[in-house]
Structure formats: structure tokens, C-alpha cells
Amino acid sequence: MLTSFAFGALAQLSLVLSALAVFVIKVPERTVGDLAGFGAGALIAAIATDLLPTAELLEMWWVAFWVLVGAGIFILGERYVDRRFGAEGSGGALGIVVGAIVDGVPESAIFGVQIGKGSAVSLAFVAAVFVSNIPQALAPSAVLAKSGWRWRRVAALWMWVVLACGLAAVLGHVLATAWSGFNGSRAAAVASGGILAMLTNSLIPFAHERSERAGIWTVVGFCFALAMG
């Protein structure tokens, strides 16, 4: 289980590192948009090449159901953030953080399932998750820093996400060893739905508002993730 926790947490550790980077390096607004676009493309590729193929172990109507569940979880989380913090500024950035949770927790559970079943963990997938998290955390963290958040508060926010992902990997490991029919397909479908909703509502609009080049960087991120696979 310790190995599962390590994979789940370490794959997401780039969230914290990227968040801290914005307090050391001044990132131009356009670059933040470019990086957000890059992250969006990498996440689209992850859905197409890693998550949905895992979910296809289910019947397709079940895949569709759990994708909708994932989207619903993100929408509810985003609405809560909007009510609490507003839809602009730090509120918009926190919507991307919600997306990172809906994305990262099921992904990490899949790592735990693979280890629990004795399967080889795809290092390419781990690397793709690690890399795609960099712009996904960098973009909202830059906005939070600009809104007056101190580095400790931003780092603590992302550390909670990393901890949740590590625990999700442990849960996936436990379920996989206790229940032979548990294969992570539902978790993959939930992650797919959550990511798709987050991309549409938060990350892609966030990128486009800050850079007119966000579209091409989305394609670059997509191609990069494909090459990593």
C-alpha cells in the first residue's frame, strides 16, 4: 500500500512544485495562458489514450453514465466555489483546482488498482500526469498569488490535493485486492467526465482569455502527451 500511496502522491507532486514556482519566477499573463492551453491539450490526450481505454472494460452505456457522474461532481464543486469566492479572479482559479481534484483522485485510484492487481504501472502515464499537472497548477496559482494569497496558503492548498490523491491510490489498492471485479474502469470514466467538464468550463476559457495563442498550445500539449504515450 505504501507503493500505491507513493505513486498516487508523486505523480501529483508537480502541482505543489508548479504552485511554488510562481512565487519565485514572474510569469507573464500570456505565458500563463499558453501553459494553460498546453495543459488542456495534454489532458485531452490523457482522456483519449489512457482513461477511456481503461473505462472500456465496462459496457458503453455504463461508461457514459460514469462520465456524466464525473462531470456532475465537477459542476457541483465549481458552483460551490463560485458561490463562496465568485466566478472571477481567485474563484475562477479555484474552479481549476476543483478540476484537478476530480481528475487526480480517480487517476490515482487507478494506480492503486494496477499495483493491487500486480499489473505494471505505465511509467509513460505517470510522466504524462506529472507533466500535464505543471500548467494545470501554474495557471491558477499565478492568479491566486496575484489575488494576494501567500505562498504557504497556495502550497497548502495543493498539498491537500496531493494527499487526497495518495489516499485514493491506497483505496484503489485495497479495493483491487479485496474485490476481484474491481478494475478501475468506473474511476477512469469519472475522471474523464470531470476533466471534460473542467476543460470546457474553466481551463480552456482561462487560457483563451490570457493568450490568443492558446489554441495552438492546446494542440502542442495534445501532441506532446501522445508522444509521451
Protein backbone atom coordinates (compact mmCIF):
# COMPACT_ATOMS: atom_id res chain seq x y z
CA MET A 1 0.00 0.00 0.00
CA LEU A 2 2.94 2.32 0.64
CA THR A 3 3.97 1.89 -3.01
CA SER A 4 0.45 2.81 -4.12
CA PHE A 5 0.49 5.93 -1.95
CA ALA A 6 3.90 6.89 -3.38
CA PHE A 7 2.73 6.55 -6.99
CA GLY A 8 -0.52 8.41 -6.30
CA ALA A 9 1.19 11.27 -4.48
CA LEU A 10 4.39 11.60 -6.51
CA ALA A 11 2.54 11.76 -9.83
CA GLN A 12 0.68 14.78 -8.45
CA LEU A 13 3.64 16.39 -6.67
CA SER A 14 4.25 18.65 -9.67
CA LEU A 15 1.11 20.53 -8.58
CA VAL A 16 2.93 21.81 -5.48
CA LEU A 17 6.23 22.45 -7.27
CA SER A 18 4.49 24.43 -10.00
CA ALA A 19 2.49 26.42 -7.46
CA LEU A 20 5.65 27.43 -5.61
CA ALA A 21 7.37 28.37 -8.86
CA VAL A 22 5.04 31.34 -9.44
CA PHE A 23 6.39 32.95 -6.25
CA VAL A 24 9.97 32.60 -7.47
CA ILE A 25 9.57 33.32 -11.19
CA LYS A 26 7.44 36.15 -12.55
CA VAL A 27 5.26 34.51 -15.21
CA PRO A 28 3.78 36.85 -17.87
CA GLU A 29 0.00 36.70 -18.29
CA ARG A 30 0.28 35.47 -21.87
CA THR A 31 2.64 32.67 -20.81
CA VAL A 32 0.14 31.59 -18.15
CA GLY A 33 -2.47 31.32 -20.90
CA ASP A 34 -0.11 29.39 -23.17
CA LEU A 35 0.71 26.94 -20.37
CA ALA A 36 -2.96 26.51 -19.53
CA GLY A 37 -3.64 25.70 -23.18
CA PHE A 38 -0.76 23.21 -23.19
CA GLY A 39 -2.18 21.52 -20.09
CA ALA A 40 -5.64 21.35 -21.67
CA GLY A 41 -4.24 19.56 -24.72
CA ALA A 42 -2.30 17.09 -22.58
CA LEU A 43 -5.43 16.29 -20.58
CA ILE A 44 -7.47 15.70 -23.76
CA ALA A 45 -4.82 13.22 -24.89
CA ALA A 46 -4.87 11.51 -21.47
CA ILE A 47 -8.64 11.02 -21.79
CA ALA A 48 -8.34 9.57 -25.28
CA THR A 49 -5.33 7.30 -24.79
CA ASP A 50 -5.36 6.27 -21.12
CA LEU A 51 -8.64 6.89 -19.30
CA LEU A 52 -11.29 5.90 -21.83
CA PRO A 53 -9.44 2.71 -22.92
CA THR A 54 -9.43 1.70 -19.23
CA ALA A 55 -13.14 2.54 -18.91
CA GLU A 56 -14.00 0.44 -21.98
CA LEU A 57 -13.84 -2.67 -19.80
CA LEU A 58 -17.41 -1.62 -18.92
CA GLU A 59 -20.38 -1.71 -21.27
CA MET A 60 -20.54 1.59 -23.16
CA TRP A 61 -23.76 2.79 -21.55
CA TRP A 62 -22.10 2.36 -18.14
CA VAL A 63 -19.09 4.31 -19.41
CA ALA A 64 -21.44 7.13 -20.46
CA PHE A 65 -23.17 7.03 -17.06
CA TRP A 66 -19.95 7.34 -15.05
CA VAL A 67 -18.60 10.04 -17.37
CA LEU A 68 -21.75 12.04 -16.59
CA VAL A 69 -21.22 11.38 -12.87
CA GLY A 70 -17.71 12.80 -13.11
CA ALA A 71 -18.98 15.87 -14.95
CA GLY A 72 -21.70 16.34 -12.34
CA ILE A 73 -19.19 16.17 -9.48
CA PHE A 74 -17.10 18.89 -11.10
CA ILE A 75 -20.11 21.12 -11.85
CA LEU A 76 -21.33 20.90 -8.24
CA GLY A 77 -17.85 21.65 -6.92
CA GLU A 78 -17.44 24.60 -9.28
CA ARG A 79 -20.81 26.04 -8.27
CA TYR A 80 -19.82 25.85 -4.61
CA VAL A 81 -16.57 27.69 -5.38
CA ASP A 82 -18.43 30.33 -7.41
CA ARG A 83 -20.85 30.98 -4.55
CA ARG A 84 -18.06 31.13 -1.99
CA PHE A 85 -15.39 33.06 -3.91
CA GLY A 86 -17.06 34.39 -7.08
CA ALA A 87 -16.61 33.29 -10.67
CA GLU A 88 -13.75 35.70 -11.47
CA GLY A 89 -10.21 36.08 -10.14
CA SER A 90 -9.42 33.62 -7.35
CA GLY A 91 -12.84 31.98 -7.79
CA GLY A 92 -12.11 31.13 -11.43
CA ALA A 93 -8.69 29.80 -10.45
CA LEU A 94 -10.17 27.64 -7.69
CA GLY A 95 -12.53 26.13 -10.27
CA ILE A 96 -9.44 24.71 -11.98
CA VAL A 97 -8.27 23.37 -8.60
CA VAL A 98 -11.61 21.55 -8.24
CA GLY A 99 -10.99 20.08 -11.69
CA ALA A 100 -7.54 18.90 -10.58
CA ILE A 101 -9.14 17.04 -7.67
CA VAL A 102 -11.86 15.43 -9.82
CA ASP A 103 -9.11 14.47 -12.28
CA GLY A 104 -6.34 13.44 -9.89
CA VAL A 105 -8.24 11.35 -7.34
CA PRO A 106 -9.65 8.79 -9.82
CA GLU A 107 -6.34 8.73 -11.74
CA SER A 108 -4.51 7.92 -8.52
CA ALA A 109 -7.06 5.24 -7.65
CA ILE A 110 -6.20 3.61 -10.99
CA PHE A 111 -2.51 3.49 -9.99
CA GLY A 112 -3.53 1.70 -6.78
CA VAL A 113 -5.69 -0.77 -8.71
CA GLN A 114 -2.83 -1.61 -11.08
CA ILE A 115 -0.42 -2.21 -8.20
CA GLY A 116 -3.04 -4.15 -6.20
CA LYS A 117 -3.63 -6.49 -9.13
CA GLY A 118 0.08 -6.96 -9.78
CA SER A 119 -0.03 -5.16 -13.13
CA ALA A 120 2.78 -2.98 -14.35
CA VAL A 121 2.15 0.72 -13.81
CA SER A 122 2.59 2.67 -17.03
CA LEU A 123 5.53 4.99 -16.38
CA ALA A 124 4.56 6.92 -19.52
CA PHE A 125 1.14 7.57 -17.98
CA VAL A 126 2.73 8.64 -14.67
CA ALA A 127 5.04 11.00 -16.58
CA ALA A 128 2.14 12.39 -18.62
CA VAL A 129 0.15 13.07 -15.42
CA PHE A 130 3.18 14.72 -13.80
CA VAL A 131 3.89 16.95 -16.81
CA SER A 132 0.25 17.90 -17.54
CA ASN A 133 -0.15 18.95 -13.89
CA ILE A 134 2.53 21.64 -14.27
CA PRO A 135 0.49 24.11 -16.34
CA GLN A 136 -2.72 22.95 -14.64
CA ALA A 137 -1.32 24.19 -11.29
CA LEU A 138 0.84 27.04 -12.60
CA ALA A 139 -2.05 28.90 -14.24
CA PRO A 140 -4.44 29.12 -11.24
CA SER A 141 -1.59 29.55 -8.74
CA ALA A 142 -0.39 32.64 -10.62
CA VAL A 143 -3.88 34.11 -10.32
CA LEU A 144 -4.13 33.23 -6.62
CA ALA A 145 -0.74 34.86 -5.97
CA LYS A 146 -1.89 37.98 -7.83
CA SER A 147 -5.07 37.98 -5.70
CA GLY A 148 -3.00 38.22 -2.53
CA TRP A 149 -2.62 34.57 -1.48
CA ARG A 150 0.72 33.90 0.27
CA TRP A 151 2.93 31.04 -0.86
CA ARG A 152 2.23 28.96 2.25
CA ARG A 153 -1.52 29.11 1.64
CA VAL A 154 -1.18 28.17 -2.04
CA ALA A 155 1.26 25.35 -1.25
CA ALA A 156 -1.03 24.01 1.48
CA LEU A 157 -3.99 24.02 -0.94
CA TRP A 158 -2.12 21.87 -3.45
CA MET A 159 -0.63 19.64 -0.72
CA TRP A 160 -4.16 18.69 0.32
CA VAL A 161 -4.82 17.68 -3.30
CA VAL A 162 -1.63 15.58 -3.35
CA LEU A 163 -2.55 13.93 -0.04
CA ALA A 164 -6.06 13.13 -1.31
CA CYS A 165 -4.57 11.53 -4.42
CA GLY A 166 -2.17 9.43 -2.38
CA LEU A 167 -5.02 8.18 -0.19
CA ALA A 168 -7.11 7.48 -3.30
CA ALA A 169 -4.31 5.26 -4.59
CA VAL A 170 -4.31 3.35 -1.30
CA LEU A 171 -8.10 2.93 -1.52
CA GLY A 172 -7.77 1.64 -5.09
CA HIS A 173 -5.14 -0.85 -3.91
CA VAL A 174 -7.36 -2.09 -1.06
CA LEU A 175 -10.42 -2.48 -3.28
CA ALA A 176 -8.45 -4.26 -6.01
CA THR A 177 -7.03 -6.81 -3.57
CA ALA A 178 -10.34 -7.35 -1.73
CA TRP A 179 -12.65 -7.41 -4.76
CA SER A 180 -11.57 -9.31 -7.88
CA GLY A 181 -14.10 -7.47 -10.06
CA PHE A 182 -12.75 -4.01 -9.23
CA ASN A 183 -10.61 -2.85 -12.16
CA GLY A 184 -10.70 0.95 -12.04
CA SER A 185 -12.97 1.33 -15.06
CA ARG A 186 -15.51 3.44 -13.18
CA ALA A 187 -12.78 5.65 -11.74
CA ALA A 188 -11.38 6.19 -15.24
CA ALA A 189 -14.80 7.16 -16.60
CA VAL A 190 -15.44 9.54 -13.67
CA ALA A 191 -12.06 11.19 -14.25
CA SER A 192 -12.85 11.56 -17.96
CA GLY A 193 -16.14 13.31 -17.25
CA GLY A 194 -14.65 15.59 -14.63
CA ILE A 195 -11.77 16.60 -16.89
CA LEU A 196 -14.04 17.27 -19.88
CA ALA A 197 -16.31 19.49 -17.80
CA MET A 198 -13.34 21.32 -16.26
CA LEU A 199 -11.75 21.90 -19.67
CA THR A 200 -14.95 23.37 -21.09
CA ASN A 201 -15.92 25.50 -18.09
CA SER A 202 -12.57 26.53 -16.67
CA LEU A 203 -9.19 25.71 -18.18
CA ILE A 204 -9.76 26.43 -21.90
CA PRO A 205 -11.67 29.71 -21.31
CA PHE A 206 -8.99 30.64 -18.74
CA ALA A 207 -6.28 30.02 -21.36
CA HIS A 208 -8.07 31.86 -24.17
CA GLU A 209 -8.72 34.95 -22.04
CA ARG A 210 -4.98 35.32 -21.41
CA SER A 211 -3.43 34.35 -24.73
CA GLU A 212 -4.55 34.46 -28.35
CA ARG A 213 -2.09 31.59 -28.93
CA ALA A 214 -3.87 29.23 -26.51
CA GLY A 215 -5.37 27.18 -29.35
CA ILE A 216 -2.04 26.24 -30.90
CA TRP A 217 -0.58 25.49 -27.47
CA THR A 218 -3.52 23.16 -26.80
CA VAL A 219 -2.57 21.22 -29.94
CA VAL A 220 1.09 21.22 -28.88
CA GLY A 221 0.13 19.83 -25.46
CA PHE A 222 -2.04 17.16 -27.10
CA CYS A 223 0.78 16.08 -29.43
CA PHE A 224 3.31 16.10 -26.58
CA ALA A 225 1.13 13.81 -24.46
CA LEU A 226 0.62 11.48 -27.44
CA ALA A 227 4.39 11.29 -27.93
CA MET A 228 4.88 10.57 -24.21
CA GLY A 229 2.49 7.61 -24.52
